[in-house]
Amino acid sequence: MLLRIHHAAIICSDVERSRRFYTGVLGLQVIGEHFREARQSWKLDLALPDGSQIELFSFPGAPPRPSYPEAQGLRHLAFEVLDVEATKRTLEAQGVEVEPVRVDEYTGRRFVFFADPDGLPLELYEAAPPNQVD
């Protein structure tokens, strides 16, 4: 039986630029880093406060991810936050372009999209009020 999502794997074009973004801008913690000689590839393990992880990989010559038109497969990665507006302002103060805040028509919660340095779509999704069950 599935318990939760353990990690999401992301392939980046520049591991140092992505490290700065995911740790410096988004605040994830580095929990491991390995250079895989046989693949000429870095693997950087990053943790969120709840223990979920992002594996950040670099592969020489990896093609860019098509975002438009939207292709089949993983559409975006969403992070839960307590206050979408406040987090949006924090990102914008660090030079990140963030789309306008929208409201989920089914849950009534606010959300917003932005992109990582390689254009991967990322989302901020507001946590449910304490008395609301998803």
Foldseek 3Di string as FASTA:
>chain_A
DDDDAQEAEEEDADVVLLCCCCCVQVNWAWPDWDQDVVQRKIWTWTADPVNHIYTYMYGPPDDADDQPPNDDDDNAAEDEDADAVVSCVSNVVVVWDKDDWDADPVQRWIKTWTAGPRRGIYMYTYDDPPVDDD
